């Protein structure tokens, strides 16, 4: 891990271009039994009610392979609940990322220990920091699309994240 990642805590353990590239075999090889998933720009675009292409199939594969899945989002229940129900997943809304509160609640509900859990998300200063603070494996995925004008704060964070983005991505299939 590069010094800048060690100093800032922004280093992801793994990085993929898309969530659908993460395989059950990859997870098993790292002792991961459950994933905590972000919503916006990880499973779908911002405020979109349907999952991105391939996400439903990927979730089906994960479930069939016994990988426990749970959504943890900083968004409100009114946004997260219908999306989680569409995917058939439990959720934690108002997860307070990067604080570890939401991650701890999710692990408790999935009945998993930190060493058996990974968090997947597209933002270093919320998803990856939160996973690192919670002591769980962190998996960065590239954002599905650039944020729109409504998401000014996230666009600002993207500029700050740039020097800390992963240089290498996993290509497990």
N, C-alpha and C. Protein backbone atom coordinates (compact mmCIF):
# COMPACT_ATOMS: atom_id res chain seq x y z
N UNK A 1 0.85 -1.18 0.00
CA UNK A 1 0.00 0.00 0.00
C UNK A 1 0.89 1.24 0.00
N UNK A 2 0.53 2.20 -0.78
CA UNK A 2 1.32 3.42 -0.89
C UNK A 2 1.22 4.24 0.40
N UNK A 3 2.27 5.01 0.66
CA UNK A 3 2.32 5.83 1.87
C UNK A 3 1.12 6.75 1.98
N UNK A 4 0.70 7.37 0.88
CA UNK A 4 -0.45 8.29 0.95
C UNK A 4 -1.71 7.58 1.42
N UNK A 5 -1.84 6.30 1.07
CA UNK A 5 -3.00 5.53 1.53
C UNK A 5 -2.88 5.17 3.01
N UNK A 6 -1.68 4.84 3.43
CA UNK A 6 -1.46 4.52 4.84
C UNK A 6 -1.74 5.73 5.72
N UNK A 7 -1.30 6.89 5.28
CA UNK A 7 -1.48 8.11 6.07
C UNK A 7 -2.93 8.55 6.13
N UNK A 8 -3.68 8.35 5.05
CA UNK A 8 -5.06 8.85 5.00
C UNK A 8 -6.11 7.79 5.26
N UNK A 9 -5.73 6.52 5.25
CA UNK A 9 -6.71 5.45 5.44
C UNK A 9 -7.61 5.22 4.24
N UNK A 10 -7.20 5.74 3.07
CA UNK A 10 -8.05 5.65 1.88
C UNK A 10 -7.76 4.43 1.02
N UNK A 11 -6.81 3.63 1.39
CA UNK A 11 -6.44 2.48 0.56
C UNK A 11 -7.49 1.38 0.61
N UNK A 12 -7.98 1.01 -0.57
CA UNK A 12 -8.90 -0.12 -0.67
C UNK A 12 -8.09 -1.40 -0.73
N UNK A 13 -8.62 -2.46 -0.14
CA UNK A 13 -7.94 -3.75 -0.21
C UNK A 13 -7.95 -4.29 -1.63
N UNK A 14 -9.06 -4.07 -2.34
CA UNK A 14 -9.21 -4.54 -3.71
C UNK A 14 -9.98 -3.49 -4.50
N UNK A 15 -9.84 -3.52 -5.82
CA UNK A 15 -10.58 -2.59 -6.68
C UNK A 15 -11.05 -3.33 -7.94
N UNK A 16 -12.29 -3.07 -8.30
CA UNK A 16 -12.90 -3.63 -9.50
C UNK A 16 -13.52 -2.48 -10.27
N UNK A 17 -13.68 -2.66 -11.56
CA UNK A 17 -14.35 -1.64 -12.37
C UNK A 17 -15.85 -1.62 -12.07
N UNK A 18 -16.45 -2.79 -11.91
CA UNK A 18 -17.89 -2.91 -11.66
C UNK A 18 -18.13 -3.96 -10.58
N UNK A 19 -19.20 -3.79 -9.84
CA UNK A 19 -19.56 -4.73 -8.78
C UNK A 19 -19.76 -6.14 -9.36
N UNK A 20 -20.27 -6.22 -10.57
CA UNK A 20 -20.55 -7.53 -11.18
C UNK A 20 -19.30 -8.32 -11.52
N UNK A 21 -18.12 -7.71 -11.42
CA UNK A 21 -16.87 -8.43 -11.64
C UNK A 21 -16.40 -9.18 -10.40
N UNK A 22 -16.99 -8.90 -9.27
CA UNK A 22 -16.62 -9.59 -8.02
C UNK A 22 -17.29 -10.96 -8.06
N UNK A 23 -16.50 -12.01 -7.92
CA UNK A 23 -17.04 -13.37 -8.02
C UNK A 23 -17.07 -14.06 -6.66
N UNK A 24 -17.96 -15.05 -6.52
CA UNK A 24 -17.96 -15.84 -5.29
C UNK A 24 -16.61 -16.51 -5.05
N UNK A 25 -15.96 -16.97 -6.11
CA UNK A 25 -14.64 -17.60 -5.95
C UNK A 25 -13.61 -16.65 -5.39
N UNK A 26 -13.62 -15.42 -5.89
CA UNK A 26 -12.71 -14.39 -5.37
C UNK A 26 -12.97 -14.17 -3.88
N UNK A 27 -14.24 -14.03 -3.52
CA UNK A 27 -14.59 -13.79 -2.12
C UNK A 27 -14.18 -14.97 -1.25
N UNK A 28 -14.50 -16.18 -1.68
CA UNK A 28 -14.13 -17.37 -0.90
C UNK A 28 -12.61 -17.44 -0.70
N UNK A 29 -11.86 -17.11 -1.75
CA UNK A 29 -10.39 -17.20 -1.65
C UNK A 29 -9.83 -16.21 -0.62
N UNK A 30 -10.63 -15.23 -0.24
CA UNK A 30 -10.21 -14.24 0.76
C UNK A 30 -11.00 -14.38 2.07
N UNK A 31 -11.71 -15.49 2.22
CA UNK A 31 -12.44 -15.76 3.46
C UNK A 31 -13.67 -14.89 3.67
N UNK A 32 -14.18 -14.28 2.60
CA UNK A 32 -15.34 -13.39 2.70
C UNK A 32 -16.63 -14.18 2.54
N UNK A 33 -17.52 -14.07 3.54
CA UNK A 33 -18.81 -14.75 3.51
C UNK A 33 -19.97 -13.79 3.28
N UNK A 34 -19.72 -12.48 3.41
CA UNK A 34 -20.79 -11.51 3.25
C UNK A 34 -20.29 -10.18 2.74
N UNK A 35 -21.16 -9.51 1.97
CA UNK A 35 -20.84 -8.20 1.42
C UNK A 35 -21.82 -7.14 1.92
N UNK A 36 -21.28 -6.01 2.30
CA UNK A 36 -22.07 -4.83 2.62
C UNK A 36 -21.98 -3.94 1.38
N UNK A 37 -23.12 -3.62 0.80
CA UNK A 37 -23.17 -2.95 -0.49
C UNK A 37 -23.68 -1.52 -0.38
N UNK A 38 -23.02 -0.61 -1.06
CA UNK A 38 -23.49 0.76 -1.23
C UNK A 38 -24.52 0.73 -2.36
N UNK A 39 -25.35 1.77 -2.47
CA UNK A 39 -26.38 1.83 -3.51
C UNK A 39 -25.95 2.73 -4.66
N UNK A 40 -25.97 4.05 -4.41
CA UNK A 40 -25.81 5.02 -5.48
C UNK A 40 -24.41 5.00 -6.09
N UNK A 41 -24.39 4.78 -7.38
CA UNK A 41 -23.20 4.69 -8.22
C UNK A 41 -22.36 3.44 -7.96
N UNK A 42 -22.94 2.50 -7.21
CA UNK A 42 -22.33 1.18 -7.02
C UNK A 42 -23.25 0.12 -7.63
N UNK A 43 -24.52 0.12 -7.21
CA UNK A 43 -25.51 -0.83 -7.73
C UNK A 43 -26.42 -0.19 -8.78
N UNK A 44 -26.52 1.11 -8.77
CA UNK A 44 -27.34 1.87 -9.72
C UNK A 44 -26.81 3.30 -9.77
N UNK A 45 -27.35 4.10 -10.65
CA UNK A 45 -26.96 5.50 -10.70
C UNK A 45 -27.74 6.28 -9.63
N UNK A 46 -27.30 7.50 -9.36
CA UNK A 46 -27.93 8.30 -8.30
C UNK A 46 -29.43 8.45 -8.50
N UNK A 47 -30.17 8.14 -7.44
CA UNK A 47 -31.62 8.30 -7.38
C UNK A 47 -32.39 7.50 -8.42
N UNK A 48 -31.75 6.56 -9.09
CA UNK A 48 -32.44 5.72 -10.07
C UNK A 48 -33.11 4.57 -9.30
N UNK A 49 -34.36 4.24 -9.62
CA UNK A 49 -35.07 3.21 -8.87
C UNK A 49 -34.73 1.77 -9.24
N UNK A 50 -34.04 1.57 -10.37
CA UNK A 50 -33.74 0.20 -10.82
C UNK A 50 -32.23 -0.04 -10.80
N UNK A 51 -31.82 -1.29 -10.59
CA UNK A 51 -30.39 -1.60 -10.57
C UNK A 51 -29.78 -1.45 -11.96
N UNK A 52 -28.47 -1.24 -11.99
CA UNK A 52 -27.73 -1.15 -13.25
C UNK A 52 -27.74 -2.50 -13.94
N UNK A 53 -27.41 -2.47 -15.21
CA UNK A 53 -27.38 -3.68 -16.02
C UNK A 53 -26.45 -4.73 -15.39
N UNK A 54 -26.95 -5.94 -15.26
CA UNK A 54 -26.16 -7.05 -14.73
C UNK A 54 -26.22 -7.22 -13.23
N UNK A 55 -26.71 -6.23 -12.51
CA UNK A 55 -26.69 -6.29 -11.04
C UNK A 55 -27.64 -7.37 -10.51
N UNK A 56 -28.84 -7.46 -11.07
CA UNK A 56 -29.80 -8.48 -10.59
C UNK A 56 -29.24 -9.89 -10.79
N UNK A 57 -28.65 -10.15 -11.95
CA UNK A 57 -28.05 -11.46 -12.20
C UNK A 57 -26.90 -11.73 -11.24
N UNK A 58 -26.07 -10.72 -10.99
CA UNK A 58 -24.94 -10.86 -10.08
C UNK A 58 -25.43 -11.18 -8.66
N UNK A 59 -26.47 -10.49 -8.22
CA UNK A 59 -27.02 -10.75 -6.89
C UNK A 59 -27.54 -12.18 -6.81
N UNK A 60 -28.21 -12.63 -7.86
CA UNK A 60 -28.68 -14.02 -7.89
C UNK A 60 -27.55 -15.02 -7.75
N UNK A 61 -26.46 -14.80 -8.45
CA UNK A 61 -25.29 -15.68 -8.36
C UNK A 61 -24.74 -15.68 -6.94
N UNK A 62 -24.59 -14.49 -6.37
CA UNK A 62 -24.06 -14.39 -5.00
C UNK A 62 -24.95 -15.15 -4.01
N UNK A 63 -26.25 -14.96 -4.12
CA UNK A 63 -27.17 -15.64 -3.21
C UNK A 63 -27.09 -17.15 -3.37
N UNK A 64 -27.07 -17.62 -4.62
CA UNK A 64 -26.99 -19.07 -4.87
C UNK A 64 -25.70 -19.67 -4.31
N UNK A 65 -24.66 -18.87 -4.28
CA UNK A 65 -23.37 -19.35 -3.76
C UNK A 65 -23.22 -19.13 -2.25
N UNK A 66 -24.28 -18.67 -1.61
CA UNK A 66 -24.27 -18.53 -0.16
C UNK A 66 -23.59 -17.29 0.38
N UNK A 67 -23.34 -16.32 -0.48
CA UNK A 67 -22.74 -15.06 -0.01
C UNK A 67 -23.87 -14.20 0.56
N UNK A 68 -23.72 -13.79 1.80
CA UNK A 68 -24.72 -12.93 2.43
C UNK A 68 -24.53 -11.50 1.93
N UNK A 69 -25.65 -10.85 1.66
CA UNK A 69 -25.62 -9.50 1.11
C UNK A 69 -26.50 -8.57 1.92
N UNK A 70 -26.04 -7.35 2.09
CA UNK A 70 -26.84 -6.35 2.79
C UNK A 70 -26.44 -4.97 2.30
N UNK A 71 -27.42 -4.12 2.13
CA UNK A 71 -27.19 -2.74 1.71
C UNK A 71 -26.99 -1.86 2.94
N UNK A 72 -25.97 -1.02 2.89
CA UNK A 72 -25.79 0.05 3.87
C UNK A 72 -25.61 1.33 3.08
N UNK A 73 -26.53 2.25 3.28
CA UNK A 73 -26.52 3.51 2.54
C UNK A 73 -26.67 4.68 3.49
N UNK A 74 -26.07 5.79 3.12
CA UNK A 74 -26.28 7.03 3.89
C UNK A 74 -27.60 7.69 3.52
N UNK A 75 -28.24 7.18 2.50
CA UNK A 75 -29.49 7.76 2.05
C UNK A 75 -30.63 7.43 3.02
N UNK A 76 -31.76 8.10 2.83
CA UNK A 76 -32.92 7.92 3.71
C UNK A 76 -33.69 6.65 3.35
N UNK A 77 -34.49 6.20 4.31
CA UNK A 77 -35.26 4.97 4.15
C UNK A 77 -36.15 5.00 2.91
N UNK A 78 -36.74 6.16 2.63
CA UNK A 78 -37.64 6.27 1.48
C UNK A 78 -36.93 6.00 0.16
N UNK A 79 -35.63 6.23 0.09
CA UNK A 79 -34.85 5.91 -1.10
C UNK A 79 -34.38 4.46 -1.08
N UNK A 80 -33.88 4.02 0.07
CA UNK A 80 -33.21 2.73 0.16
C UNK A 80 -34.19 1.55 0.20
N UNK A 81 -35.27 1.67 0.95
CA UNK A 81 -36.19 0.55 1.14
C UNK A 81 -36.75 0.00 -0.18
N UNK A 82 -37.33 0.82 -1.07
CA UNK A 82 -37.86 0.25 -2.32
C UNK A 82 -36.79 -0.39 -3.18
N UNK A 83 -35.61 0.19 -3.18
CA UNK A 83 -34.51 -0.37 -3.97
C UNK A 83 -34.08 -1.72 -3.39
N UNK A 84 -33.91 -1.77 -2.07
CA UNK A 84 -33.52 -3.02 -1.41
C UNK A 84 -34.58 -4.10 -1.60
N UNK A 85 -35.84 -3.73 -1.50
CA UNK A 85 -36.92 -4.70 -1.70
C UNK A 85 -36.91 -5.25 -3.12
N UNK A 86 -36.64 -4.41 -4.11
CA UNK A 86 -36.55 -4.85 -5.50
C UNK A 86 -35.46 -5.90 -5.67
N UNK A 87 -34.36 -5.73 -4.94
CA UNK A 87 -33.24 -6.67 -5.00
C UNK A 87 -33.41 -7.85 -4.05
N UNK A 88 -34.39 -7.76 -3.16
CA UNK A 88 -34.58 -8.82 -2.17
C UNK A 88 -33.49 -8.84 -1.12
N UNK A 89 -33.02 -7.65 -0.73
CA UNK A 89 -31.93 -7.56 0.25
C UNK A 89 -32.34 -6.77 1.48
N UNK A 90 -31.82 -7.16 2.64
CA UNK A 90 -32.01 -6.34 3.83
C UNK A 90 -31.16 -5.08 3.71
N UNK A 91 -31.47 -4.07 4.53
CA UNK A 91 -30.76 -2.81 4.39
C UNK A 91 -30.65 -2.07 5.71
N UNK A 92 -29.70 -1.15 5.72
CA UNK A 92 -29.54 -0.15 6.77
C UNK A 92 -29.53 1.19 6.03
N UNK A 93 -30.47 2.06 6.35
CA UNK A 93 -30.47 3.41 5.78
C UNK A 93 -29.86 4.35 6.82
N UNK A 94 -29.53 5.55 6.37
CA UNK A 94 -28.85 6.51 7.25
C UNK A 94 -27.69 5.83 7.97
N UNK A 95 -26.84 5.18 7.19
CA UNK A 95 -25.75 4.36 7.73
C UNK A 95 -24.61 5.12 8.36
N UNK A 96 -24.59 6.44 8.21
CA UNK A 96 -23.58 7.31 8.85
C UNK A 96 -22.15 7.00 8.40
N UNK A 97 -21.99 6.50 7.17
CA UNK A 97 -20.64 6.26 6.65
C UNK A 97 -19.94 7.61 6.50
N UNK A 98 -18.70 7.73 6.90
CA UNK A 98 -17.72 6.69 7.13
C UNK A 98 -17.63 6.16 8.56
N UNK A 99 -18.52 6.56 9.44
CA UNK A 99 -18.51 5.97 10.78
C UNK A 99 -18.83 4.49 10.67
N UNK A 100 -18.39 3.71 11.63
CA UNK A 100 -18.56 2.26 11.52
C UNK A 100 -19.92 1.76 11.97
N UNK A 101 -20.76 2.63 12.48
CA UNK A 101 -22.07 2.27 13.02
C UNK A 101 -22.90 1.39 12.07
N UNK A 102 -23.08 1.83 10.83
CA UNK A 102 -23.88 1.08 9.87
C UNK A 102 -23.27 -0.27 9.52
N UNK A 103 -21.94 -0.31 9.43
CA UNK A 103 -21.25 -1.56 9.13
C UNK A 103 -21.42 -2.57 10.26
N UNK A 104 -21.31 -2.08 11.48
CA UNK A 104 -21.47 -2.96 12.66
C UNK A 104 -22.89 -3.52 12.71
N UNK A 105 -23.89 -2.67 12.47
CA UNK A 105 -25.29 -3.14 12.44
C UNK A 105 -25.48 -4.21 11.37
N UNK A 106 -24.91 -3.98 10.20
CA UNK A 106 -25.05 -4.95 9.11
C UNK A 106 -24.39 -6.28 9.45
N UNK A 107 -23.18 -6.23 10.00
CA UNK A 107 -22.50 -7.48 10.37
C UNK A 107 -23.29 -8.25 11.42
N UNK A 108 -23.84 -7.53 12.37
CA UNK A 108 -24.64 -8.18 13.41
C UNK A 108 -25.85 -8.87 12.79
N UNK A 109 -26.55 -8.18 11.88
CA UNK A 109 -27.72 -8.76 11.24
C UNK A 109 -27.35 -9.94 10.33
N UNK A 110 -26.18 -9.89 9.70
CA UNK A 110 -25.73 -11.00 8.85
C UNK A 110 -25.07 -12.11 9.65
N UNK A 111 -24.86 -11.85 10.95
CA UNK A 111 -24.19 -12.80 11.85
C UNK A 111 -22.80 -13.16 11.35
N UNK A 112 -22.04 -12.11 11.02
CA UNK A 112 -20.67 -12.28 10.52
C UNK A 112 -19.69 -11.47 11.35
N UNK A 113 -18.46 -11.93 11.37
CA UNK A 113 -17.36 -11.22 12.03
C UNK A 113 -16.68 -10.31 11.00
N UNK A 114 -15.95 -9.30 11.45
CA UNK A 114 -15.24 -8.43 10.50
C UNK A 114 -14.35 -9.18 9.51
N UNK A 115 -13.67 -10.22 9.96
CA UNK A 115 -12.77 -10.97 9.08
C UNK A 115 -13.51 -11.73 7.97
N UNK A 116 -14.83 -11.86 8.09
CA UNK A 116 -15.64 -12.58 7.11
C UNK A 116 -16.44 -11.64 6.21
N UNK A 117 -16.22 -10.34 6.38
CA UNK A 117 -17.07 -9.34 5.75
C UNK A 117 -16.25 -8.38 4.89
N UNK A 118 -16.84 -7.97 3.77
CA UNK A 118 -16.25 -6.92 2.94
C UNK A 118 -17.33 -5.89 2.63
N UNK A 119 -16.90 -4.66 2.42
CA UNK A 119 -17.81 -3.60 2.00
C UNK A 119 -17.42 -3.17 0.60
N UNK A 120 -18.44 -2.92 -0.23
CA UNK A 120 -18.23 -2.53 -1.62
C UNK A 120 -18.83 -1.16 -1.84
N UNK A 121 -18.04 -0.24 -2.40
CA UNK A 121 -18.57 1.09 -2.68
C UNK A 121 -17.69 1.88 -3.62
N UNK A 122 -18.24 3.00 -4.08
CA UNK A 122 -17.58 3.82 -5.09
C UNK A 122 -16.93 5.09 -4.55
N UNK A 123 -17.03 5.34 -3.25
CA UNK A 123 -16.45 6.57 -2.69
C UNK A 123 -15.41 6.24 -1.63
N UNK A 124 -14.22 6.80 -1.81
CA UNK A 124 -13.14 6.54 -0.85
C UNK A 124 -13.42 7.13 0.52
N UNK A 125 -13.97 8.34 0.56
CA UNK A 125 -14.12 9.05 1.83
C UNK A 125 -15.40 8.67 2.59
N UNK A 126 -16.19 7.79 2.05
CA UNK A 126 -17.34 7.26 2.79
C UNK A 126 -17.25 5.75 2.87
N UNK A 127 -17.38 5.07 1.75
CA UNK A 127 -17.43 3.61 1.72
C UNK A 127 -16.12 2.95 2.16
N UNK A 128 -15.02 3.37 1.58
CA UNK A 128 -13.73 2.73 1.88
C UNK A 128 -13.23 3.13 3.26
N UNK A 129 -13.30 4.41 3.59
CA UNK A 129 -12.94 4.82 4.96
C UNK A 129 -13.78 4.05 5.97
N UNK A 130 -15.08 3.99 5.76
CA UNK A 130 -15.95 3.31 6.70
C UNK A 130 -15.58 1.85 6.88
N UNK A 131 -15.31 1.17 5.78
CA UNK A 131 -14.90 -0.24 5.86
C UNK A 131 -13.58 -0.36 6.63
N UNK A 132 -12.63 0.51 6.31
CA UNK A 132 -11.34 0.47 7.00
C UNK A 132 -11.50 0.78 8.49
N UNK A 133 -12.33 1.75 8.83
CA UNK A 133 -12.58 2.06 10.24
C UNK A 133 -13.24 0.90 10.97
N UNK A 134 -14.11 0.17 10.26
CA UNK A 134 -14.81 -0.97 10.86
C UNK A 134 -13.96 -2.24 10.90
N UNK A 135 -12.79 -2.20 10.30
CA UNK A 135 -11.89 -3.35 10.33
C UNK A 135 -12.30 -4.46 9.38
N UNK A 136 -13.00 -4.11 8.30
CA UNK A 136 -13.43 -5.13 7.35
C UNK A 136 -12.72 -4.89 6.01
N UNK A 137 -12.73 -5.88 5.16
CA UNK A 137 -12.13 -5.77 3.84
C UNK A 137 -12.87 -4.70 3.04
N UNK A 138 -12.12 -3.87 2.35
CA UNK A 138 -12.72 -2.80 1.55
C UNK A 138 -12.52 -3.09 0.07
N UNK A 139 -13.61 -2.98 -0.68
CA UNK A 139 -13.56 -3.20 -2.13
C UNK A 139 -14.11 -1.95 -2.82
N UNK A 140 -13.22 -1.29 -3.54
CA UNK A 140 -13.60 -0.10 -4.30
C UNK A 140 -14.10 -0.53 -5.68
N UNK A 141 -15.20 0.09 -6.14
CA UNK A 141 -15.64 -0.08 -7.52
C UNK A 141 -15.73 1.31 -8.14
N UNK A 142 -15.41 1.39 -9.42
CA UNK A 142 -15.50 2.67 -10.13
C UNK A 142 -16.96 3.12 -10.15
N UNK A 143 -17.21 4.40 -10.04
CA UNK A 143 -18.59 4.89 -10.14
C UNK A 143 -19.19 4.51 -11.49
N UNK A 144 -20.48 4.20 -11.49
CA UNK A 144 -21.17 3.83 -12.72
C UNK A 144 -21.15 4.98 -13.72
N UNK A 145 -21.40 6.20 -13.23
CA UNK A 145 -21.37 7.37 -14.10
C UNK A 145 -20.99 8.60 -13.28
N UNK A 146 -20.53 9.66 -13.94
CA UNK A 146 -20.23 10.89 -13.21
C UNK A 146 -21.50 11.47 -12.58
N UNK A 147 -21.33 12.10 -11.43
CA UNK A 147 -22.46 12.71 -10.73
C UNK A 147 -23.00 13.90 -11.52
N UNK A 148 -24.29 14.12 -11.39
CA UNK A 148 -24.94 15.25 -12.04
C UNK A 148 -24.80 16.52 -11.23
N UNK A 149 -25.41 17.57 -11.70
CA UNK A 149 -25.32 18.88 -11.05
C UNK A 149 -25.89 18.88 -9.64
N UNK A 150 -26.89 18.02 -9.37
CA UNK A 150 -27.51 17.97 -8.04
C UNK A 150 -26.53 17.50 -6.97
N UNK A 151 -25.59 16.68 -7.35
CA UNK A 151 -24.66 16.08 -6.39
C UNK A 151 -23.36 16.88 -6.28
N UNK A 152 -23.46 18.16 -6.00
CA UNK A 152 -22.28 19.03 -5.95
C UNK A 152 -21.25 18.56 -4.92
N UNK A 153 -21.72 18.19 -3.74
CA UNK A 153 -20.79 17.78 -2.69
C UNK A 153 -20.04 16.52 -3.10
N UNK A 154 -20.72 15.57 -3.72
CA UNK A 154 -20.05 14.34 -4.16
C UNK A 154 -19.06 14.67 -5.28
N UNK A 155 -19.43 15.55 -6.19
CA UNK A 155 -18.50 15.96 -7.25
C UNK A 155 -17.25 16.59 -6.65
N UNK A 156 -17.43 17.39 -5.59
CA UNK A 156 -16.29 17.99 -4.91
C UNK A 156 -15.40 16.90 -4.29
N UNK A 157 -16.02 15.92 -3.64
CA UNK A 157 -15.25 14.82 -3.05
C UNK A 157 -14.49 14.03 -4.10
N UNK A 158 -15.07 13.89 -5.28
CA UNK A 158 -14.39 13.16 -6.37
C UNK A 158 -13.06 13.83 -6.73
N UNK A 159 -13.05 15.15 -6.72
CA UNK A 159 -11.81 15.88 -7.00
C UNK A 159 -10.78 15.57 -5.91
N UNK A 160 -11.21 15.57 -4.66
CA UNK A 160 -10.30 15.28 -3.55
C UNK A 160 -9.82 13.83 -3.56
N UNK A 161 -10.65 12.92 -4.05
CA UNK A 161 -10.30 11.49 -4.10
C UNK A 161 -9.26 11.16 -5.16
N UNK A 162 -9.21 11.95 -6.19
CA UNK A 162 -8.41 11.63 -7.38
C UNK A 162 -6.99 11.12 -7.08
N UNK A 163 -6.22 11.79 -6.21
CA UNK A 163 -4.85 11.30 -5.95
C UNK A 163 -4.81 9.95 -5.22
N UNK A 164 -5.93 9.53 -4.66
CA UNK A 164 -5.95 8.32 -3.84
C UNK A 164 -6.62 7.14 -4.53
N UNK A 165 -7.11 7.34 -5.75
CA UNK A 165 -7.80 6.26 -6.45
C UNK A 165 -6.86 5.10 -6.72
N UNK A 166 -7.38 3.88 -6.75
CA UNK A 166 -6.52 2.71 -7.01
C UNK A 166 -5.86 2.79 -8.38
N UNK A 167 -4.64 2.30 -8.44
CA UNK A 167 -3.90 2.24 -9.71
C UNK A 167 -4.19 0.94 -10.46
N UNK A 168 -4.54 -0.09 -9.71
CA UNK A 168 -4.74 -1.41 -10.30
C UNK A 168 -6.11 -1.94 -9.92
N UNK A 169 -6.70 -2.69 -10.85
CA UNK A 169 -8.02 -3.28 -10.64
C UNK A 169 -7.92 -4.80 -10.82
N UNK A 170 -8.73 -5.53 -10.05
CA UNK A 170 -8.82 -6.97 -10.17
C UNK A 170 -9.66 -7.31 -11.39
N UNK A 171 -9.38 -8.40 -12.03
CA UNK A 171 -10.19 -8.82 -13.18
C UNK A 171 -10.60 -10.28 -13.01
N UNK A 172 -11.13 -10.59 -11.87
CA UNK A 172 -11.62 -11.95 -11.62
C UNK A 172 -12.88 -12.17 -12.43
N UNK A 173 -13.01 -13.27 -13.05
CA UNK A 173 -14.22 -13.60 -13.83
C UNK A 173 -14.78 -14.91 -13.35
